[in-house]
């Protein structure tokens, strides 16, 4: 889907690091200026689970 300079699409991603795994849906949002991606926002369906997978704890 596009709206002006913003383009979004649904994504499914998975990965494995040692014994940790992740498999979930998300939405990626790109800002495009002069045919170049200038900014990216990534949204996952379960941010806490994704943070745990990557080893990031922000709480």
Protein backbone atom coordinates (compact mmCIF):
# COMPACT_ATOMS: atom_id res chain seq x y z
CA UNK A 1 0.00 0.00 0.00
CA UNK A 2 1.31 3.48 -0.79
CA UNK A 3 0.30 6.94 0.39
CA UNK A 4 2.47 9.81 -0.80
CA UNK A 5 6.08 9.03 0.12
CA UNK A 6 5.09 6.17 2.44
CA UNK A 7 4.97 2.54 1.32
CA UNK A 8 3.91 -0.30 3.62
CA UNK A 9 3.66 -4.03 3.26
CA UNK A 10 2.92 -7.00 5.47
CA UNK A 11 5.76 -9.39 6.17
CA UNK A 12 6.32 -12.75 7.82
CA UNK A 13 9.73 -13.40 9.31
CA UNK A 14 11.44 -16.20 11.17
CA UNK A 15 14.87 -16.92 12.56
CA UNK A 16 16.91 -19.08 14.89
CA UNK A 17 19.81 -18.15 17.16
CA UNK A 18 21.04 -21.18 19.08
CA UNK A 19 17.95 -22.51 20.83
CA UNK A 20 15.95 -19.28 20.44
CA UNK A 21 13.46 -19.04 17.58
CA UNK A 22 11.08 -16.41 16.28
CA UNK A 23 8.28 -16.73 13.72
CA UNK A 24 5.75 -13.94 13.41
CA UNK A 25 3.99 -11.40 11.24
CA UNK A 26 4.85 -7.75 10.94
CA UNK A 27 4.41 -4.60 8.91
CA UNK A 28 7.30 -2.70 7.30
CA UNK A 29 6.90 0.98 6.49
CA UNK A 30 9.28 2.83 4.17
CA UNK A 31 9.60 6.50 3.35
CA UNK A 32 10.74 6.90 -0.26
CA UNK A 33 12.12 10.19 -1.59
CA UNK A 34 13.50 10.56 -5.12
CA UNK A 35 13.21 6.77 -5.63
CA UNK A 36 15.40 6.07 -2.56
CA UNK A 37 14.42 4.65 0.82
CA UNK A 38 15.27 7.34 3.36
CA UNK A 39 13.64 5.94 6.50
CA UNK A 40 12.31 2.56 7.67
CA UNK A 41 9.99 1.54 10.51
CA UNK A 42 9.47 -2.14 11.39
CA UNK A 43 6.49 -3.34 13.43
CA UNK A 44 6.17 -6.91 14.72
CA UNK A 45 3.06 -8.54 16.13
CA UNK A 46 4.80 -9.24 19.45
CA UNK A 47 7.54 -6.73 20.22
CA UNK A 48 8.40 -8.29 23.59
CA UNK A 49 8.94 -11.73 22.01
CA UNK A 50 11.08 -10.22 19.25
CA UNK A 51 13.17 -8.27 21.79
CA UNK A 52 13.71 -11.48 23.77
CA UNK A 53 14.76 -13.31 20.60
CA UNK A 54 17.38 -10.66 19.76
CA UNK A 55 18.47 -10.44 23.40
CA UNK A 56 17.19 -6.88 23.87
CA UNK A 57 15.42 -6.13 27.11
CA UNK A 58 14.08 -2.60 27.35
CA UNK A 59 11.93 -3.01 30.43
